[in-house]
Amino acid sequence: IRAIGITNQRETTLVWSKLTGECVYNAIVWQDRRTASSCDLMKTEVWKDLRLEDYIRKKTGLIIDPYFSSTKLAWILKEVVGKDESINPKDLLFGTVDSYLIWKLTAGRSHLTDVTNASRTQLLDIELGDWDQSLLEYFNISAGLLPKVKNSADEFGTTDVSCFGATIPITGVAGDQQAALIGQCCFDEGMSKVTLGTGCFIMTNTGNKRSRTADGLLTTIAYGLDGKFTYASE
């Protein structure tokens, strides 16, 4: 085995102890709607002289909805970590499923994610490819919780020998819908894929320019290679 690639369910939110590797709460999956009331309130707020909804759309390409990781993470920090004095927030890490798998496979040596998964957290500036400090401030999320963001094809560490009996490099990561776009070879602007599973997902490659988010469409990062982003409309 020359290398490992990871594709995963996006948005699903995990918080775990870097001391024990155990999650402080069950994974909250993308379908979970427990933060719907918080999202309704967010739609009425102003942030950085913009409607919060407009600020989030501008920075992340996403709409305000419980679907994304931000409000799920904020909920865990408030309702679980904030109410359990035995938990030291400085010992915790956040990740989507890719980050958790990488952390486990590397025996805690790599706390990383790729731009496709990061772009679905509602915390990433999709033009800079890094966490938006203002949104971290709004959600009261410490930057120390978050994984480092890398290209979709990159060095994510090597597996611990205890996993497979060998050290195998992890060299590719992409969220499931982006991975399907890649798998269907939609590398040219205007090419689209449709996948049917738990939901119906339509994604169109928009090249090196982000599309304008309108009529329920989302702007997201299709993949990142060599520090350059290809965008998609979903």
C-alpha atoms as a PDB file:
ATOM      1  CA  ILE A   1       0.000   0.000   0.000  1.00  0.00           C
ATOM      2  CA  ARG A   2       1.626   3.226  -1.193  1.00  0.00           C
ATOM      3  CA  ALA A   3      -0.768   5.779   0.278  1.00  0.00           C
ATOM      4  CA  ILE A   4      -4.131   6.348   1.929  1.00  0.00           C
ATOM      5  CA  GLY A   5      -6.882   8.749   0.870  1.00  0.00           C
ATOM      6  CA  ILE A   6      -9.815   9.699   3.066  1.00  0.00           C
ATOM      7  CA  THR A   7     -13.284  10.760   2.001  1.00  0.00           C
ATOM      8  CA  ASN A   8     -15.907  11.336   4.621  1.00  0.00           C
ATOM      9  CA  GLN A   9     -19.321  12.610   5.571  1.00  0.00           C
ATOM     10  CA  ARG A  10     -18.973  16.394   5.760  1.00  0.00           C
ATOM     11  CA  GLU A  11     -20.167  18.770   8.521  1.00  0.00           C
ATOM     12  CA  THR A  12     -20.430  15.963  11.116  1.00  0.00           C
ATOM     13  CA  THR A  13     -18.919  17.434  14.274  1.00  0.00           C
ATOM     14  CA  LEU A  14     -16.695  15.741  16.860  1.00  0.00           C
ATOM     15  CA  VAL A  15     -14.922  17.102  19.935  1.00  0.00           C
ATOM     16  CA  TRP A  16     -12.420  14.823  21.654  1.00  0.00           C
ATOM     17  CA  SER A  17      -9.759  14.832  24.337  1.00  0.00           C
ATOM     18  CA  LYS A  18      -6.223  14.944  23.003  1.00  0.00           C
ATOM     19  CA  LEU A  19      -5.172  13.151  26.201  1.00  0.00           C
ATOM     20  CA  THR A  20      -7.466  10.129  25.859  1.00  0.00           C
ATOM     21  CA  GLY A  21      -8.761  10.237  22.274  1.00  0.00           C
ATOM     22  CA  GLU A  22     -12.300   9.884  23.612  1.00  0.00           C
ATOM     23  CA  CYS A  23     -15.096  12.141  22.375  1.00  0.00           C
ATOM     24  CA  VAL A  24     -16.775  14.308  25.014  1.00  0.00           C
ATOM     25  CA  TYR A  25     -20.118  13.823  23.257  1.00  0.00           C
ATOM     26  CA  ASN A  26     -21.622  11.770  20.448  1.00  0.00           C
ATOM     27  CA  ALA A  27     -20.832  12.932  16.925  1.00  0.00           C
ATOM     28  CA  ILE A  28     -23.493  15.394  15.739  1.00  0.00           C
ATOM     29  CA  VAL A  29     -24.257  14.500  12.134  1.00  0.00           C
ATOM     30  CA  TRP A  30     -25.163  16.833   9.287  1.00  0.00           C
ATOM     31  CA  GLN A  31     -28.898  16.076   9.470  1.00  0.00           C
ATOM     32  CA  ASP A  32     -29.159  17.135  13.134  1.00  0.00           C
ATOM     33  CA  ARG A  33     -31.407  20.201  13.588  1.00  0.00           C
ATOM     34  CA  ARG A  34     -30.934  20.915  17.297  1.00  0.00           C
ATOM     35  CA  THR A  35     -29.475  24.374  16.609  1.00  0.00           C
ATOM     36  CA  ALA A  36     -32.374  25.557  14.412  1.00  0.00           C
ATOM     37  CA  SER A  37     -33.562  28.136  16.958  1.00  0.00           C
ATOM     38  CA  SER A  38     -30.024  29.535  17.276  1.00  0.00           C
ATOM     39  CA  CYS A  39     -29.850  29.855  13.500  1.00  0.00           C
ATOM     40  CA  ASP A  40     -33.177  31.700  13.416  1.00  0.00           C
ATOM     41  CA  LEU A  41     -31.765  34.201  15.917  1.00  0.00           C
ATOM     42  CA  MET A  42     -28.538  34.564  13.930  1.00  0.00           C
ATOM     43  CA  LYS A  43     -30.540  35.645  10.885  1.00  0.00           C
ATOM     44  CA  THR A  44     -31.672  38.742  12.811  1.00  0.00           C
ATOM     45  CA  GLU A  45     -28.203  39.797  14.009  1.00  0.00           C
ATOM     46  CA  VAL A  46     -25.659  42.329  12.770  1.00  0.00           C
ATOM     47  CA  TRP A  47     -21.927  41.524  12.861  1.00  0.00           C
ATOM     48  CA  LYS A  48     -19.005  43.689  11.749  1.00  0.00           C
ATOM     49  CA  ASP A  49     -21.388  46.307  10.317  1.00  0.00           C
ATOM     50  CA  LEU A  50     -23.133  43.710   8.157  1.00  0.00           C
ATOM     51  CA  ARG A  51     -26.108  41.490   8.677  1.00  0.00           C
ATOM     52  CA  LEU A  52     -24.569  38.342  10.128  1.00  0.00           C
ATOM     53  CA  GLU A  53     -26.181  36.369   7.330  1.00  0.00           C
ATOM     54  CA  ASP A  54     -24.418  38.540   4.737  1.00  0.00           C
ATOM     55  CA  TYR A  55     -21.090  38.369   6.576  1.00  0.00           C
ATOM     56  CA  ILE A  56     -21.240  34.555   6.720  1.00  0.00           C
ATOM     57  CA  ARG A  57     -22.215  34.346   3.054  1.00  0.00           C
ATOM     58  CA  LYS A  58     -19.361  36.697   2.085  1.00  0.00           C
ATOM     59  CA  LYS A  59     -16.681  34.873   4.070  1.00  0.00           C
ATOM     60  CA  THR A  60     -17.780  31.240   3.885  1.00  0.00           C
ATOM     61  CA  GLY A  61     -20.064  31.018   0.838  1.00  0.00           C
ATOM     62  CA  LEU A  62     -22.712  29.371   3.024  1.00  0.00           C
ATOM     63  CA  ILE A  63     -26.149  30.244   4.360  1.00  0.00           C
ATOM     64  CA  ILE A  64     -27.125  30.193   8.027  1.00  0.00           C
ATOM     65  CA  ASP A  65     -28.464  26.705   8.703  1.00  0.00           C
ATOM     66  CA  PRO A  66     -28.011  23.962  11.347  1.00  0.00           C
ATOM     67  CA  TYR A  67     -26.539  21.786   8.564  1.00  0.00           C
ATOM     68  CA  PHE A  68     -23.046  23.220   9.047  1.00  0.00           C
ATOM     69  CA  SER A  69     -20.517  22.510  11.784  1.00  0.00           C
ATOM     70  CA  SER A  70     -20.255  25.941  13.433  1.00  0.00           C
ATOM     71  CA  THR A  71     -23.436  25.896  15.487  1.00  0.00           C
ATOM     72  CA  LYS A  72     -23.000  22.202  16.299  1.00  0.00           C
ATOM     73  CA  LEU A  73     -19.538  22.902  17.730  1.00  0.00           C
ATOM     74  CA  ALA A  74     -20.806  25.944  19.635  1.00  0.00           C
ATOM     75  CA  TRP A  75     -23.599  23.784  21.083  1.00  0.00           C
ATOM     76  CA  ILE A  76     -21.158  21.122  22.345  1.00  0.00           C
ATOM     77  CA  LEU A  77     -18.898  23.755  23.900  1.00  0.00           C
ATOM     78  CA  LYS A  78     -21.819  25.427  25.685  1.00  0.00           C
ATOM     79  CA  GLU A  79     -24.062  22.503  26.613  1.00  0.00           C
ATOM     80  CA  VAL A  80     -21.466  19.793  27.301  1.00  0.00           C
ATOM     81  CA  VAL A  81     -18.041  21.304  27.963  1.00  0.00           C
ATOM     82  CA  GLY A  82     -19.414  24.426  29.644  1.00  0.00           C
ATOM     83  CA  LYS A  83     -21.476  22.373  32.099  1.00  0.00           C
ATOM     84  CA  ASP A  84     -18.838  19.790  33.046  1.00  0.00           C
ATOM     85  CA  GLU A  85     -16.111  21.158  35.309  1.00  0.00           C
ATOM     86  CA  SER A  86     -14.093  17.966  34.887  1.00  0.00           C
ATOM     87  CA  ILE A  87     -13.404  18.868  31.253  1.00  0.00           C
ATOM     88  CA  ASN A  88     -10.497  21.204  30.569  1.00  0.00           C
ATOM     89  CA  PRO A  89     -11.225  23.032  27.279  1.00  0.00           C
ATOM     90  CA  LYS A  90      -7.486  23.304  26.627  1.00  0.00           C
ATOM     91  CA  ASP A  91      -7.324  19.511  26.332  1.00  0.00           C
ATOM     92  CA  LEU A  92      -9.914  19.355  23.552  1.00  0.00           C
ATOM     93  CA  LEU A  93      -9.742  19.155  19.767  1.00  0.00           C
ATOM     94  CA  PHE A  94     -12.451  19.676  17.159  1.00  0.00           C
ATOM     95  CA  GLY A  95     -12.715  18.027  13.810  1.00  0.00           C
ATOM     96  CA  THR A  96     -14.991  16.731  11.125  1.00  0.00           C
ATOM     97  CA  VAL A  97     -14.744  12.992  10.456  1.00  0.00           C
ATOM     98  CA  ASP A  98     -11.613  13.331   8.318  1.00  0.00           C
ATOM     99  CA  SER A  99      -9.713  15.094  11.117  1.00  0.00           C
ATOM    100  CA  TYR A 100     -10.758  12.505  13.674  1.00  0.00           C
ATOM    101  CA  LEU A 101      -9.657   9.634  11.415  1.00  0.00           C
ATOM    102  CA  ILE A 102      -6.318  11.315  10.666  1.00  0.00           C
ATOM    103  CA  TRP A 103      -5.719  11.965  14.355  1.00  0.00           C
ATOM    104  CA  LYS A 104      -6.534   8.342  15.237  1.00  0.00           C
ATOM    105  CA  LEU A 105      -4.534   6.814  12.375  1.00  0.00           C
ATOM    106  CA  THR A 106      -1.455   8.896  13.210  1.00  0.00           C
ATOM    107  CA  ALA A 107      -1.762   8.186  16.956  1.00  0.00           C
ATOM    108  CA  GLY A 108      -2.421  11.842  17.671  1.00  0.00           C
ATOM    109  CA  ARG A 109       0.511  13.250  15.723  1.00  0.00           C
ATOM    110  CA  SER A 110      -1.587  15.021  13.054  1.00  0.00           C
ATOM    111  CA  HIS A 111      -4.524  17.319  13.749  1.00  0.00           C
ATOM    112  CA  LEU A 112      -5.361  18.323  10.180  1.00  0.00           C
ATOM    113  CA  THR A 113      -8.154  18.809   7.686  1.00  0.00           C
ATOM    114  CA  ASP A 114      -8.388  19.765   4.023  1.00  0.00           C
ATOM    115  CA  VAL A 115      -9.984  22.821   2.456  1.00  0.00           C
ATOM    116  CA  THR A 116     -13.072  20.962   1.209  1.00  0.00           C
ATOM    117  CA  ASN A 117     -14.084  19.800   4.675  1.00  0.00           C
ATOM    118  CA  ALA A 118     -13.023  23.062   6.307  1.00  0.00           C
ATOM    119  CA  SER A 119     -15.172  25.008   3.850  1.00  0.00           C
ATOM    120  CA  ARG A 120     -18.243  23.213   5.246  1.00  0.00           C
ATOM    121  CA  THR A 121     -17.717  24.203   8.868  1.00  0.00           C
ATOM    122  CA  GLN A 122     -18.966  27.787   8.283  1.00  0.00           C
ATOM    123  CA  LEU A 123     -15.766  28.967   9.963  1.00  0.00           C
ATOM    124  CA  LEU A 124     -13.429  29.130   6.954  1.00  0.00           C
ATOM    125  CA  ASP A 125     -12.648  32.169   4.834  1.00  0.00           C
ATOM    126  CA  ILE A 126     -12.905  30.392   1.481  1.00  0.00           C
ATOM    127  CA  GLU A 127     -10.785  32.981  -0.322  1.00  0.00           C
ATOM    128  CA  LEU A 128      -7.878  32.794   2.136  1.00  0.00           C
ATOM    129  CA  GLY A 129      -8.263  29.098   2.945  1.00  0.00           C
ATOM    130  CA  ASP A 130      -7.861  29.726   6.667  1.00  0.00           C
ATOM    131  CA  TRP A 131     -10.104  30.071   9.701  1.00  0.00           C
ATOM    132  CA  ASP A 132     -11.927  33.383   9.956  1.00  0.00           C
ATOM    133  CA  GLN A 133     -10.937  34.886  13.292  1.00  0.00           C
ATOM    134  CA  SER A 134     -14.024  37.077  13.435  1.00  0.00           C
ATOM    135  CA  LEU A 135     -16.353  34.086  13.149  1.00  0.00           C
ATOM    136  CA  LEU A 136     -14.366  32.241  15.814  1.00  0.00           C
ATOM    137  CA  GLU A 137     -14.944  35.269  18.019  1.00  0.00           C
ATOM    138  CA  TYR A 138     -18.668  35.287  17.267  1.00  0.00           C
ATOM    139  CA  PHE A 139     -19.113  31.590  18.068  1.00  0.00           C
ATOM    140  CA  ASN A 140     -16.714  31.800  21.053  1.00  0.00           C
ATOM    141  CA  ILE A 141     -14.467  29.088  19.607  1.00  0.00           C
ATOM    142  CA  SER A 142     -10.783  28.938  20.504  1.00  0.00           C
ATOM    143  CA  ALA A 143      -8.440  28.661  17.522  1.00  0.00           C
ATOM    144  CA  GLY A 144      -6.516  26.016  19.482  1.00  0.00           C
ATOM    145  CA  LEU A 145      -9.428  23.600  19.039  1.00  0.00           C
ATOM    146  CA  LEU A 146      -9.223  23.649  15.264  1.00  0.00           C
ATOM    147  CA  PRO A 147      -7.174  21.514  12.885  1.00  0.00           C
ATOM    148  CA  LYS A 148      -4.655  23.029  10.486  1.00  0.00           C
ATOM    149  CA  VAL A 149      -6.094  23.404   6.987  1.00  0.00           C
ATOM    150  CA  LYS A 150      -4.206  21.814   4.085  1.00  0.00           C
ATOM    151  CA  ASN A 151      -4.624  21.156   0.365  1.00  0.00           C
ATOM    152  CA  SER A 152      -6.784  18.232  -0.711  1.00  0.00           C
ATOM    153  CA  ALA A 153      -3.660  16.486  -1.990  1.00  0.00           C
ATOM    154  CA  ASP A 154      -1.015  17.030   0.673  1.00  0.00           C
ATOM    155  CA  GLU A 155       0.997  15.382   3.420  1.00  0.00           C
ATOM    156  CA  PHE A 156      -1.320  14.518   6.299  1.00  0.00           C
ATOM    157  CA  GLY A 157       1.118  12.356   8.234  1.00  0.00           C
ATOM    158  CA  THR A 158       1.750   8.623   8.320  1.00  0.00           C
ATOM    159  CA  THR A 159      -0.234   5.919  10.035  1.00  0.00           C
ATOM    160  CA  ASP A 160       1.022   4.530  13.295  1.00  0.00           C
ATOM    161  CA  VAL A 161       2.505   1.061  12.836  1.00  0.00           C
ATOM    162  CA  SER A 162      -0.107  -0.312  15.263  1.00  0.00           C
ATOM    163  CA  CYS A 163      -2.894   0.349  12.726  1.00  0.00           C
ATOM    164  CA  PHE A 164      -1.772  -1.697   9.713  1.00  0.00           C
ATOM    165  CA  GLY A 165       1.612  -3.075  10.676  1.00  0.00           C
ATOM    166  CA  ALA A 166       3.358  -0.416   8.593  1.00  0.00           C
ATOM    167  CA  THR A 167       3.693   3.346   8.343  1.00  0.00           C
ATOM    168  CA  ILE A 168       1.589   4.438   5.372  1.00  0.00           C
ATOM    169  CA  PRO A 169       1.387   8.070   4.243  1.00  0.00           C
ATOM    170  CA  ILE A 170      -2.016   9.772   4.146  1.00  0.00           C
ATOM    171  CA  THR A 171      -1.848  11.947   1.030  1.00  0.00           C
ATOM    172  CA  GLY A 172      -5.388  12.857  -0.001  1.00  0.00           C
ATOM    173  CA  VAL A 173      -8.513  14.112   1.787  1.00  0.00           C
ATOM    174  CA  ALA A 174     -11.841  15.376   0.399  1.00  0.00           C
ATOM    175  CA  GLY A 175     -15.383  15.629   1.710  1.00  0.00           C
ATOM    176  CA  ASP A 176     -17.765  13.139   0.142  1.00  0.00           C
ATOM    177  CA  GLN A 177     -19.529  15.431  -2.337  1.00  0.00           C
ATOM    178  CA  GLN A 178     -16.286  16.994  -3.517  1.00  0.00           C
ATOM    179  CA  ALA A 179     -14.762  13.525  -3.774  1.00  0.00           C
ATOM    180  CA  ALA A 180     -17.665  12.529  -6.034  1.00  0.00           C
ATOM    181  CA  LEU A 181     -17.004  15.591  -8.226  1.00  0.00           C
ATOM    182  CA  ILE A 182     -13.355  14.535  -8.461  1.00  0.00           C
ATOM    183  CA  GLY A 183     -14.314  10.901  -9.026  1.00  0.00           C
ATOM    184  CA  GLN A 184     -16.492  11.897 -11.993  1.00  0.00           C
ATOM    185  CA  CYS A 185     -13.508  13.864 -13.422  1.00  0.00           C
ATOM    186  CA  CYS A 186     -15.366  17.188 -13.333  1.00  0.00           C
ATOM    187  CA  PHE A 187     -12.142  19.170 -13.570  1.00  0.00           C
ATOM    188  CA  ASP A 188     -13.304  21.750 -16.119  1.00  0.00           C
ATOM    189  CA  GLU A 189     -15.391  24.809 -15.318  1.00  0.00           C
ATOM    190  CA  GLY A 190     -19.089  24.105 -15.899  1.00  0.00           C
ATOM    191  CA  MET A 191     -18.879  20.340 -15.393  1.00  0.00           C
ATOM    192  CA  SER A 192     -21.357  18.951 -12.847  1.00  0.00           C
ATOM    193  CA  LYS A 193     -22.097  15.792 -10.936  1.00  0.00           C
ATOM    194  CA  VAL A 194     -25.290  14.545  -9.353  1.00  0.00           C
ATOM    195  CA  THR A 195     -25.202  11.927  -6.609  1.00  0.00           C
ATOM    196  CA  LEU A 196     -28.158  10.236  -4.948  1.00  0.00           C
ATOM    197  CA  GLY A 197     -27.816   8.796  -1.457  1.00  0.00           C
ATOM    198  CA  THR A 198     -29.160  10.021   1.878  1.00  0.00           C
ATOM    199  CA  GLY A 199     -29.811  13.221  -0.074  1.00  0.00           C
ATOM    200  CA  CYS A 200     -29.565  14.495  -3.642  1.00  0.00           C
ATOM    201  CA  PHE A 201     -26.451  16.603  -4.194  1.00  0.00           C
ATOM    202  CA  ILE A 202     -25.725  18.605  -7.344  1.00  0.00           C
ATOM    203  CA  MET A 203     -22.303  20.241  -7.601  1.00  0.00           C
ATOM    204  CA  THR A 204     -20.877  22.319 -10.458  1.00  0.00           C
ATOM    205  CA  ASN A 205     -17.227  23.224 -10.950  1.00  0.00           C
ATOM    206  CA  THR A 206     -16.974  27.035 -11.218  1.00  0.00           C
ATOM    207  CA  GLY A 207     -13.209  27.205 -11.740  1.00  0.00           C
ATOM    208  CA  ASN A 208     -10.958  29.603  -9.877  1.00  0.00           C
ATOM    209  CA  LYS A 209     -13.773  32.066  -9.223  1.00  0.00           C
ATOM    210  CA  ARG A 210     -16.386  31.592  -6.549  1.00  0.00           C
ATOM    211  CA  SER A 211     -19.953  31.711  -7.786  1.00  0.00           C
ATOM    212  CA  ARG A 212     -22.465  34.144  -6.356  1.00  0.00           C
ATOM    213  CA  THR A 213     -24.594  32.420  -3.748  1.00  0.00           C
ATOM    214  CA  ALA A 214     -28.262  32.863  -4.673  1.00  0.00           C
ATOM    215  CA  ASP A 215     -31.572  31.021  -4.566  1.00  0.00           C
ATOM    216  CA  GLY A 216     -30.377  28.456  -2.057  1.00  0.00           C
ATOM    217  CA  LEU A 217     -27.121  27.641  -3.856  1.00  0.00           C
ATOM    218  CA  LEU A 218     -23.976  27.331  -1.787  1.00  0.00           C
ATOM    219  CA  THR A 219     -20.464  28.319  -2.760  1.00  0.00           C
ATOM    220  CA  THR A 220     -17.850  25.839  -1.597  1.00  0.00           C
ATOM    221  CA  ILE A 221     -14.278  24.769  -2.328  1.00  0.00           C
ATOM    222  CA  ALA A 222     -14.236  21.875  -4.793  1.00  0.00           C
ATOM    223  CA  TYR A 223     -10.578  21.054  -4.114  1.00  0.00           C
ATOM    224  CA  GLY A 224      -7.292  22.671  -3.269  1.00  0.00           C
ATOM    225  CA  LEU A 225      -4.038  21.849  -5.061  1.00  0.00           C
ATOM    226  CA  ASP A 226      -0.696  23.553  -4.519  1.00  0.00           C
ATOM    227  CA  GLY A 227      -2.329  26.352  -2.571  1.00  0.00           C
ATOM    228  CA  LYS A 228      -4.793  27.171  -5.362  1.00  0.00           C
ATOM    229  CA  PHE A 229      -8.535  26.645  -4.978  1.00  0.00           C
ATOM    230  CA  THR A 230     -11.115  25.429  -7.441  1.00  0.00           C
ATOM    231  CA  TYR A 231     -14.619  26.460  -6.391  1.00  0.00           C
ATOM    232  CA  ALA A 232     -18.000  24.861  -6.844  1.00  0.00           C
ATOM    233  CA  SER A 233     -21.651  25.784  -6.661  1.00  0.00           C
ATOM    234  CA  GLU A 234     -23.752  23.254  -4.744  1.00  0.00           C
END
